[in-house]
Amino acid sequence: MVDTASLPVLEAPNLPSAAEVRQRTLVHAVVPLLVGAVLGAFWQLAVMPRTGEAQLPNPVHGALLMWLLLVPLATTTLARRRIAESWEYALGLALVAVPLALIWLGRGAGSLFCGVYMLGILWMAISGAWATSAWPSHGRGLAPFRSGLWHTIGIGFGSFLGSVLAYVWS
């Protein structure tokens, strides 16, 4: 027979309020998606007419490259971390950007499926899971590495959407 009085009591995680979930979703999901759309549209309108027959680097490549240049700004504003932690944010960015850039070197349905459809599903799943999760209660929020992953997935997905809209409307 087990003595239940000696078993440790586990505390339930502090679930975020609805306002906190909305704020996390806005900062970590919507803003990177919109920034990616703007970067992708800019690349589509300004660079793609000059790329020639190869059509490389495409808008997703361009948006990821421009996002890499904005890592210090993203670390301090979106991730709300010190600039010294930019390397960790950039590591999260690289973990997404390198495979995504390689996928977008291909042509046809494979790159569209992996580069858009799967990325979109991943972005929605991470946004839903991480925005509603009980983050560590030390007040620092999400780790820079995870922020870099989440933001770069949003940039990649948004850049494709923005480039398609720019192409259609131009």
N, C-alpha and C. Protein backbone atom coordinates (compact mmCIF):
# COMPACT_ATOMS: atom_id res chain seq x y z
N MET A 1 0.84 -1.17 0.00
CA MET A 1 0.00 0.00 0.00
C MET A 1 0.89 1.24 0.00
N VAL A 2 0.54 2.23 -0.79
CA VAL A 2 1.33 3.45 -0.94
C VAL A 2 0.78 4.51 0.00
N ASP A 3 1.71 5.16 0.69
CA ASP A 3 1.34 6.25 1.58
C ASP A 3 1.23 7.52 0.75
N THR A 4 0.00 7.96 0.50
CA THR A 4 -0.22 9.14 -0.35
C THR A 4 0.20 10.43 0.31
N ALA A 5 0.36 10.43 1.60
CA ALA A 5 0.78 11.65 2.30
C ALA A 5 2.23 12.01 2.00
N SER A 6 3.05 11.03 1.59
CA SER A 6 4.45 11.31 1.32
C SER A 6 4.75 11.61 -0.15
N LEU A 7 3.75 11.53 -1.01
CA LEU A 7 3.95 11.82 -2.43
C LEU A 7 4.07 13.33 -2.65
N PRO A 8 4.99 13.75 -3.51
CA PRO A 8 5.12 15.19 -3.76
C PRO A 8 3.92 15.72 -4.55
N VAL A 9 3.58 16.93 -4.26
CA VAL A 9 2.46 17.58 -4.95
C VAL A 9 3.04 18.46 -6.05
N LEU A 10 2.61 18.20 -7.27
CA LEU A 10 3.08 19.00 -8.40
C LEU A 10 2.15 20.18 -8.61
N GLU A 11 2.74 21.32 -8.85
CA GLU A 11 1.94 22.51 -9.10
C GLU A 11 1.55 22.57 -10.57
N ALA A 12 0.34 23.01 -10.81
CA ALA A 12 -0.11 23.20 -12.19
C ALA A 12 0.60 24.42 -12.77
N PRO A 13 0.92 24.36 -14.06
CA PRO A 13 1.59 25.53 -14.66
C PRO A 13 0.64 26.73 -14.69
N ASN A 14 1.22 27.90 -14.59
CA ASN A 14 0.43 29.12 -14.68
C ASN A 14 0.11 29.36 -16.15
N LEU A 15 -1.13 29.18 -16.52
CA LEU A 15 -1.51 29.40 -17.91
C LEU A 15 -1.63 30.89 -18.17
N PRO A 16 -1.26 31.31 -19.37
CA PRO A 16 -1.31 32.75 -19.68
C PRO A 16 -2.74 33.23 -19.83
N SER A 17 -2.93 34.49 -19.57
CA SER A 17 -4.25 35.10 -19.76
C SER A 17 -4.51 35.29 -21.25
N ALA A 18 -5.74 35.56 -21.60
CA ALA A 18 -6.10 35.78 -23.00
C ALA A 18 -5.36 36.99 -23.57
N ALA A 19 -5.19 38.02 -22.78
CA ALA A 19 -4.47 39.21 -23.25
C ALA A 19 -3.01 38.88 -23.52
N GLU A 20 -2.41 38.04 -22.68
CA GLU A 20 -1.01 37.65 -22.88
C GLU A 20 -0.86 36.79 -24.14
N VAL A 21 -1.82 35.92 -24.39
CA VAL A 21 -1.79 35.09 -25.60
C VAL A 21 -1.91 35.97 -26.84
N ARG A 22 -2.81 36.95 -26.80
CA ARG A 22 -2.95 37.87 -27.94
C ARG A 22 -1.66 38.66 -28.17
N GLN A 23 -1.04 39.12 -27.10
CA GLN A 23 0.20 39.89 -27.23
C GLN A 23 1.33 39.03 -27.78
N ARG A 24 1.47 37.80 -27.30
CA ARG A 24 2.48 36.88 -27.81
C ARG A 24 2.24 36.58 -29.28
N THR A 25 1.00 36.34 -29.64
CA THR A 25 0.67 36.02 -31.03
C THR A 25 0.99 37.21 -31.93
N LEU A 26 0.65 38.40 -31.49
CA LEU A 26 0.94 39.59 -32.29
C LEU A 26 2.44 39.77 -32.48
N VAL A 27 3.21 39.71 -31.40
CA VAL A 27 4.64 39.98 -31.46
C VAL A 27 5.41 38.88 -32.17
N HIS A 28 5.11 37.63 -31.86
CA HIS A 28 5.94 36.53 -32.35
C HIS A 28 5.40 35.84 -33.60
N ALA A 29 4.14 36.07 -33.95
CA ALA A 29 3.58 35.41 -35.14
C ALA A 29 3.16 36.42 -36.21
N VAL A 30 2.35 37.38 -35.85
CA VAL A 30 1.79 38.29 -36.84
C VAL A 30 2.84 39.29 -37.36
N VAL A 31 3.61 39.89 -36.47
CA VAL A 31 4.61 40.87 -36.91
C VAL A 31 5.64 40.24 -37.84
N PRO A 32 6.23 39.07 -37.50
CA PRO A 32 7.17 38.46 -38.46
C PRO A 32 6.50 38.08 -39.78
N LEU A 33 5.26 37.63 -39.73
CA LEU A 33 4.56 37.30 -40.97
C LEU A 33 4.40 38.54 -41.85
N LEU A 34 4.01 39.66 -41.25
CA LEU A 34 3.83 40.89 -42.01
C LEU A 34 5.16 41.46 -42.50
N VAL A 35 6.20 41.40 -41.66
CA VAL A 35 7.52 41.85 -42.09
C VAL A 35 8.01 40.99 -43.25
N GLY A 36 7.80 39.67 -43.16
CA GLY A 36 8.16 38.77 -44.25
C GLY A 36 7.41 39.10 -45.52
N ALA A 37 6.13 39.44 -45.40
CA ALA A 37 5.34 39.80 -46.58
C ALA A 37 5.88 41.06 -47.24
N VAL A 38 6.25 42.05 -46.43
CA VAL A 38 6.82 43.29 -46.97
C VAL A 38 8.17 43.02 -47.63
N LEU A 39 9.03 42.23 -46.97
CA LEU A 39 10.34 41.92 -47.55
C LEU A 39 10.20 41.11 -48.84
N GLY A 40 9.30 40.14 -48.85
CA GLY A 40 9.07 39.34 -50.05
C GLY A 40 8.51 40.16 -51.20
N ALA A 41 7.57 41.06 -50.88
CA ALA A 41 7.00 41.93 -51.91
C ALA A 41 8.06 42.88 -52.46
N PHE A 42 8.87 43.44 -51.58
CA PHE A 42 9.96 44.32 -52.03
C PHE A 42 10.90 43.57 -52.96
N TRP A 43 11.30 42.37 -52.57
CA TRP A 43 12.23 41.58 -53.39
C TRP A 43 11.59 41.25 -54.74
N GLN A 44 10.31 40.91 -54.72
CA GLN A 44 9.61 40.57 -55.96
C GLN A 44 9.58 41.76 -56.92
N LEU A 45 9.31 42.94 -56.39
CA LEU A 45 9.17 44.12 -57.24
C LEU A 45 10.51 44.74 -57.63
N ALA A 46 11.48 44.72 -56.72
CA ALA A 46 12.74 45.43 -56.97
C ALA A 46 13.84 44.55 -57.55
N VAL A 47 13.89 43.30 -57.17
CA VAL A 47 15.04 42.46 -57.54
C VAL A 47 14.68 41.43 -58.62
N MET A 48 13.53 40.82 -58.52
CA MET A 48 13.20 39.72 -59.44
C MET A 48 13.20 40.12 -60.92
N PRO A 49 12.81 41.35 -61.29
CA PRO A 49 12.91 41.71 -62.70
C PRO A 49 14.34 41.71 -63.23
N ARG A 50 15.33 41.76 -62.35
CA ARG A 50 16.73 41.82 -62.75
C ARG A 50 17.48 40.50 -62.61
N THR A 51 16.81 39.43 -62.18
CA THR A 51 17.50 38.18 -61.89
C THR A 51 17.75 37.31 -63.11
N GLY A 52 17.09 37.57 -64.21
CA GLY A 52 17.31 36.78 -65.41
C GLY A 52 16.53 35.48 -65.39
N GLU A 53 16.97 34.57 -66.22
CA GLU A 53 16.22 33.33 -66.42
C GLU A 53 16.27 32.40 -65.21
N ALA A 54 17.34 32.44 -64.46
CA ALA A 54 17.48 31.55 -63.31
C ALA A 54 16.48 31.87 -62.19
N GLN A 55 16.05 33.13 -62.11
CA GLN A 55 15.12 33.57 -61.08
C GLN A 55 15.62 33.28 -59.66
N LEU A 56 16.92 33.41 -59.49
CA LEU A 56 17.53 33.22 -58.18
C LEU A 56 18.42 34.42 -57.87
N PRO A 57 18.49 34.87 -56.69
CA PRO A 57 17.76 34.45 -55.49
C PRO A 57 16.31 34.91 -55.56
N ASN A 58 15.44 34.05 -55.12
CA ASN A 58 14.01 34.36 -55.18
C ASN A 58 13.58 35.17 -53.95
N PRO A 59 12.31 35.57 -53.87
CA PRO A 59 11.88 36.42 -52.75
C PRO A 59 12.07 35.80 -51.36
N VAL A 60 11.94 34.49 -51.26
CA VAL A 60 12.16 33.86 -49.95
C VAL A 60 13.63 33.97 -49.56
N HIS A 61 14.53 33.71 -50.52
CA HIS A 61 15.96 33.89 -50.25
C HIS A 61 16.26 35.33 -49.84
N GLY A 62 15.70 36.27 -50.58
CA GLY A 62 15.95 37.69 -50.29
C GLY A 62 15.43 38.09 -48.92
N ALA A 63 14.23 37.63 -48.58
CA ALA A 63 13.66 37.98 -47.28
C ALA A 63 14.49 37.38 -46.14
N LEU A 64 14.93 36.14 -46.32
CA LEU A 64 15.76 35.51 -45.28
C LEU A 64 17.09 36.22 -45.13
N LEU A 65 17.67 36.65 -46.24
CA LEU A 65 18.93 37.39 -46.18
C LEU A 65 18.74 38.74 -45.49
N MET A 66 17.67 39.45 -45.85
CA MET A 66 17.41 40.74 -45.20
C MET A 66 17.10 40.55 -43.72
N TRP A 67 16.41 39.46 -43.38
CA TRP A 67 16.10 39.19 -41.97
C TRP A 67 17.38 38.91 -41.19
N LEU A 68 18.33 38.23 -41.83
CA LEU A 68 19.61 37.97 -41.18
C LEU A 68 20.31 39.30 -40.85
N LEU A 69 20.20 40.25 -41.74
CA LEU A 69 20.80 41.56 -41.48
C LEU A 69 20.09 42.31 -40.35
N LEU A 70 18.83 41.97 -40.11
CA LEU A 70 18.05 42.63 -39.07
C LEU A 70 18.05 41.90 -37.73
N VAL A 71 18.92 40.89 -37.58
CA VAL A 71 18.96 40.10 -36.34
C VAL A 71 19.14 40.96 -35.09
N PRO A 72 20.08 41.91 -35.05
CA PRO A 72 20.20 42.71 -33.82
C PRO A 72 18.92 43.47 -33.48
N LEU A 73 18.26 44.01 -34.48
CA LEU A 73 17.01 44.73 -34.25
C LEU A 73 15.91 43.78 -33.78
N ALA A 74 15.82 42.62 -34.41
CA ALA A 74 14.79 41.64 -34.03
C ALA A 74 15.03 41.11 -32.62
N THR A 75 16.28 40.91 -32.26
CA THR A 75 16.59 40.40 -30.93
C THR A 75 16.16 41.39 -29.85
N THR A 76 16.40 42.65 -30.09
CA THR A 76 16.09 43.64 -29.06
C THR A 76 14.62 44.05 -29.05
N THR A 77 13.97 44.09 -30.22
CA THR A 77 12.59 44.56 -30.25
C THR A 77 11.57 43.43 -30.13
N LEU A 78 11.68 42.40 -30.95
CA LEU A 78 10.69 41.32 -30.91
C LEU A 78 10.96 40.33 -29.78
N ALA A 79 12.19 39.86 -29.67
CA ALA A 79 12.51 38.89 -28.63
C ALA A 79 12.70 39.55 -27.27
N ARG A 80 12.88 40.85 -27.26
CA ARG A 80 13.09 41.63 -26.03
C ARG A 80 14.25 41.08 -25.20
N ARG A 81 15.36 40.89 -25.88
CA ARG A 81 16.58 40.40 -25.24
C ARG A 81 17.70 41.38 -25.48
N ARG A 82 18.79 41.20 -24.75
CA ARG A 82 19.97 42.05 -24.94
C ARG A 82 20.61 41.73 -26.28
N ILE A 83 21.28 42.70 -26.84
CA ILE A 83 21.92 42.51 -28.14
C ILE A 83 23.02 41.44 -28.07
N ALA A 84 23.56 41.21 -26.89
CA ALA A 84 24.58 40.17 -26.72
C ALA A 84 24.01 38.77 -26.99
N GLU A 85 22.70 38.63 -26.93
CA GLU A 85 22.07 37.33 -27.18
C GLU A 85 21.67 37.16 -28.64
N SER A 86 22.11 38.07 -29.49
CA SER A 86 21.79 37.99 -30.92
C SER A 86 22.33 36.72 -31.57
N TRP A 87 23.47 36.23 -31.08
CA TRP A 87 24.05 35.01 -31.67
C TRP A 87 23.09 33.83 -31.49
N GLU A 88 22.42 33.76 -30.32
CA GLU A 88 21.50 32.65 -30.08
C GLU A 88 20.26 32.79 -30.96
N TYR A 89 19.77 34.02 -31.13
CA TYR A 89 18.65 34.28 -32.02
C TYR A 89 19.04 33.89 -33.46
N ALA A 90 20.25 34.27 -33.88
CA ALA A 90 20.73 33.96 -35.23
C ALA A 90 20.88 32.46 -35.43
N LEU A 91 21.21 31.74 -34.39
CA LEU A 91 21.30 30.28 -34.49
C LEU A 91 19.93 29.68 -34.77
N GLY A 92 18.90 30.17 -34.11
CA GLY A 92 17.53 29.74 -34.40
C GLY A 92 17.12 30.09 -35.82
N LEU A 93 17.52 31.28 -36.26
CA LEU A 93 17.25 31.71 -37.63
C LEU A 93 17.93 30.76 -38.62
N ALA A 94 19.18 30.43 -38.38
CA ALA A 94 19.93 29.58 -39.31
C ALA A 94 19.36 28.18 -39.39
N LEU A 95 18.86 27.67 -38.27
CA LEU A 95 18.29 26.33 -38.27
C LEU A 95 17.08 26.22 -39.20
N VAL A 96 16.38 27.32 -39.39
CA VAL A 96 15.25 27.34 -40.31
C VAL A 96 15.68 27.82 -41.69
N ALA A 97 16.48 28.86 -41.75
CA ALA A 97 16.78 29.52 -43.02
C ALA A 97 17.62 28.66 -43.96
N VAL A 98 18.59 27.92 -43.45
CA VAL A 98 19.45 27.13 -44.33
C VAL A 98 18.66 26.03 -45.05
N PRO A 99 17.91 25.18 -44.32
CA PRO A 99 17.12 24.17 -45.05
C PRO A 99 16.07 24.79 -45.97
N LEU A 100 15.45 25.88 -45.52
CA LEU A 100 14.43 26.53 -46.34
C LEU A 100 15.04 27.10 -47.62
N ALA A 101 16.21 27.71 -47.51
CA ALA A 101 16.88 28.24 -48.70
C ALA A 101 17.25 27.12 -49.66
N LEU A 102 17.67 25.98 -49.14
CA LEU A 102 17.99 24.83 -50.00
C LEU A 102 16.74 24.29 -50.68
N ILE A 103 15.65 24.23 -49.95
CA ILE A 103 14.38 23.77 -50.55
C ILE A 103 13.99 24.68 -51.70
N TRP A 104 14.16 26.00 -51.50
CA TRP A 104 13.75 26.96 -52.52
C TRP A 104 14.71 27.03 -53.71
N LEU A 105 15.80 26.30 -53.68
CA LEU A 105 16.66 26.19 -54.86
C LEU A 105 16.03 25.27 -55.90
N GLY A 106 15.18 24.37 -55.43
CA GLY A 106 14.51 23.45 -56.34
C GLY A 106 13.38 24.12 -57.10
N ARG A 107 12.91 23.43 -58.08
CA ARG A 107 11.80 23.94 -58.88
C ARG A 107 10.64 22.95 -58.80
N GLY A 108 9.45 23.45 -59.04
CA GLY A 108 8.30 22.58 -59.15
C GLY A 108 7.53 22.41 -57.86
N ALA A 109 6.72 21.37 -57.86
CA ALA A 109 5.78 21.14 -56.76
C ALA A 109 6.49 20.80 -55.45
N GLY A 110 7.64 20.18 -55.51
CA GLY A 110 8.35 19.81 -54.29
C GLY A 110 8.72 21.01 -53.45
N SER A 111 9.27 22.03 -54.10
CA SER A 111 9.65 23.22 -53.33
C SER A 111 8.42 23.98 -52.85
N LEU A 112 7.37 23.99 -53.63
CA LEU A 112 6.14 24.63 -53.17
C LEU A 112 5.54 23.88 -52.00
N PHE A 113 5.52 22.56 -52.08
CA PHE A 113 4.94 21.77 -51.01
C PHE A 113 5.73 21.92 -49.72
N CYS A 114 7.05 21.73 -49.81
CA CYS A 114 7.88 21.82 -48.60
C CYS A 114 8.08 23.26 -48.16
N GLY A 115 8.24 24.15 -49.12
CA GLY A 115 8.56 25.53 -48.80
C GLY A 115 7.39 26.39 -48.41
N VAL A 116 6.18 25.98 -48.76
CA VAL A 116 5.01 26.80 -48.43
C VAL A 116 4.03 26.02 -47.56
N TYR A 117 3.54 24.93 -48.08
CA TYR A 117 2.50 24.19 -47.38
C TYR A 117 2.99 23.68 -46.03
N MET A 118 4.11 22.97 -46.03
CA MET A 118 4.63 22.42 -44.78
C MET A 118 5.08 23.55 -43.84
N LEU A 119 5.70 24.59 -44.40
CA LEU A 119 6.13 25.72 -43.58
C LEU A 119 4.92 26.42 -42.95
N GLY A 120 3.85 26.58 -43.72
CA GLY A 120 2.63 27.21 -43.19
C GLY A 120 2.02 26.40 -42.07
N ILE A 121 1.97 25.09 -42.23
CA ILE A 121 1.43 24.23 -41.18
C ILE A 121 2.30 24.31 -39.93
N LEU A 122 3.61 24.27 -40.13
CA LEU A 122 4.54 24.37 -39.01
C LEU A 122 4.39 25.71 -38.29
N TRP A 123 4.27 26.78 -39.05
CA TRP A 123 4.11 28.11 -38.47
C TRP A 123 2.82 28.19 -37.64
N MET A 124 1.72 27.67 -38.18
CA MET A 124 0.45 27.70 -37.44
C MET A 124 0.52 26.83 -36.19
N ALA A 125 1.16 25.66 -36.28
CA ALA A 125 1.26 24.78 -35.11
C ALA A 125 2.11 25.41 -34.01
N ILE A 126 3.26 25.96 -34.39
CA ILE A 126 4.12 26.60 -33.39
C ILE A 126 3.44 27.82 -32.80
N SER A 127 2.78 28.60 -33.63
CA SER A 127 2.11 29.80 -33.13
C SER A 127 1.02 29.42 -32.13
N GLY A 128 0.27 28.39 -32.43
CA GLY A 128 -0.78 27.96 -31.50
C GLY A 128 -0.23 27.37 -30.22
N ALA A 129 0.82 26.57 -30.34
CA ALA A 129 1.37 25.90 -29.16
C ALA A 129 2.17 26.84 -28.28
N TRP A 130 3.05 27.62 -28.88
CA TRP A 130 3.94 28.47 -28.08
C TRP A 130 3.24 29.70 -27.54
N ALA A 131 2.24 30.22 -28.23
CA ALA A 131 1.55 31.41 -27.73
C ALA A 131 0.71 31.09 -26.51
N THR A 132 0.21 29.87 -26.41
CA THR A 132 -0.65 29.50 -25.30
C THR A 132 0.08 28.72 -24.21
N SER A 133 1.36 28.46 -24.38
CA SER A 133 2.10 27.65 -23.40
C SER A 133 2.40 28.44 -22.14
N ALA A 134 2.66 27.71 -21.08
CA ALA A 134 3.07 28.34 -19.83
C ALA A 134 4.58 28.50 -19.87
N TRP A 135 5.04 29.66 -20.29
CA TRP A 135 6.47 29.93 -20.40
C TRP A 135 7.08 29.99 -19.01
N PRO A 136 8.37 29.90 -18.94
CA PRO A 136 9.01 30.03 -17.63
C PRO A 136 8.59 31.33 -16.96
N SER A 137 8.37 31.24 -15.68
CA SER A 137 7.83 32.40 -14.96
C SER A 137 8.90 33.38 -14.50
N HIS A 138 10.11 33.28 -15.03
CA HIS A 138 11.16 34.19 -14.60
C HIS A 138 11.06 35.56 -15.25
N GLY A 139 10.03 35.77 -16.06
CA GLY A 139 9.77 37.09 -16.62
C GLY A 139 10.57 37.43 -17.86
N ARG A 140 11.43 36.54 -18.32
CA ARG A 140 12.26 36.84 -19.48
C ARG A 140 11.60 36.41 -20.78
N GLY A 141 10.56 35.62 -20.72
CA GLY A 141 9.88 35.21 -21.94
C GLY A 141 10.57 34.05 -22.64
N LEU A 142 10.33 33.95 -23.91
CA LEU A 142 10.84 32.87 -24.74
C LEU A 142 12.34 33.02 -24.97
N ALA A 143 13.05 31.91 -25.00
CA ALA A 143 14.49 31.93 -25.25
C ALA A 143 14.77 32.51 -26.64
N PRO A 144 15.88 33.20 -26.82
CA PRO A 144 16.19 33.80 -28.13
C PRO A 144 16.24 32.76 -29.25
N PHE A 145 16.73 31.57 -28.97
CA PHE A 145 16.79 30.52 -29.98
C PHE A 145 15.39 30.17 -30.49
N ARG A 146 14.46 29.96 -29.56
CA ARG A 146 13.09 29.64 -29.95
C ARG A 146 12.43 30.82 -30.65
N SER A 147 12.72 32.03 -30.20
CA SER A 147 12.19 33.21 -30.88
C SER A 147 12.71 33.28 -32.31
N GLY A 148 14.00 33.01 -32.49
CA GLY A 148 14.58 33.00 -33.83
C GLY A 148 13.93 31.97 -34.74
N LEU A 149 13.67 30.79 -34.20
CA LEU A 149 12.96 29.76 -34.98
C LEU A 149 11.58 30.26 -35.40
N TRP A 150 10.81 30.71 -34.42
CA TRP A 150 9.43 31.12 -34.66
C TRP A 150 9.35 32.30 -35.63
N HIS A 151 10.18 33.30 -35.41
CA HIS A 151 10.15 34.48 -36.27
C HIS A 151 10.58 34.14 -37.69
N THR A 152 11.60 33.31 -37.85
CA THR A 152 12.09 32.99 -39.19
C THR A 152 11.09 32.15 -39.96
N ILE A 153 10.38 31.28 -39.29
CA ILE A 153 9.31 30.53 -39.97
C ILE A 153 8.24 31.50 -40.46
N GLY A 154 7.89 32.48 -39.64
CA GLY A 154 6.93 33.49 -40.06
C GLY A 154 7.44 34.34 -41.21
N ILE A 155 8.73 34.69 -41.18
CA ILE A 155 9.34 35.46 -42.27
C ILE A 155 9.29 34.66 -43.57
N GLY A 156 9.67 33.40 -43.52
CA GLY A 156 9.68 32.56 -44.72
C GLY A 156 8.30 32.41 -45.33
N PHE A 157 7.31 32.13 -44.48
CA PHE A 157 5.94 31.96 -44.96
C PHE A 157 5.38 33.28 -45.47
N GLY A 158 5.61 34.34 -44.72
CA GLY A 158 5.12 35.66 -45.13
C GLY A 158 5.77 36.17 -46.40
N SER A 159 7.05 35.86 -46.59
CA SER A 159 7.74 36.35 -47.79
C SER A 159 7.16 35.72 -49.05
N PHE A 160 6.79 34.46 -48.96
CA PHE A 160 6.15 33.83 -50.13
C PHE A 160 4.81 34.50 -50.40
N LEU A 161 4.00 34.67 -49.36
CA LEU A 161 2.68 35.29 -49.54
C LEU A 161 2.80 36.71 -50.09
N GLY A 162 3.73 37.49 -49.54
CA GLY A 162 3.92 38.86 -50.01
C GLY A 162 4.41 38.93 -51.43
N SER A 163 5.30 38.01 -51.82
CA SER A 163 5.81 38.02 -53.19
C SER A 163 4.73 37.63 -54.19
N VAL A 164 3.86 36.70 -53.80
CA VAL A 164 2.77 36.32 -54.70
C VAL A 164 1.80 37.49 -54.87
N LEU A 165 1.47 38.16 -53.76
CA LEU A 165 0.59 39.32 -53.86
C LEU A 165 1.21 40.43 -54.71
N ALA A 166 2.49 40.69 -54.53
CA ALA A 166 3.17 41.71 -55.32
C ALA A 166 3.19 41.34 -56.79
N TYR A 167 3.41 40.08 -57.10
CA TYR A 167 3.44 39.62 -58.48
C TYR A 167 2.06 39.77 -59.12
N VAL A 168 1.03 39.40 -58.39
CA VAL A 168 -0.35 39.48 -58.92
C VAL A 168 -0.77 40.92 -59.13
N TRP A 169 -0.42 41.81 -58.20
CA TRP A 169 -0.87 43.18 -58.27
C TRP A 169 0.02 44.09 -59.10
N SER A 170 1.18 43.60 -59.57
CA SER A 170 2.06 44.46 -60.35
C SER A 170 1.79 44.35 -61.84
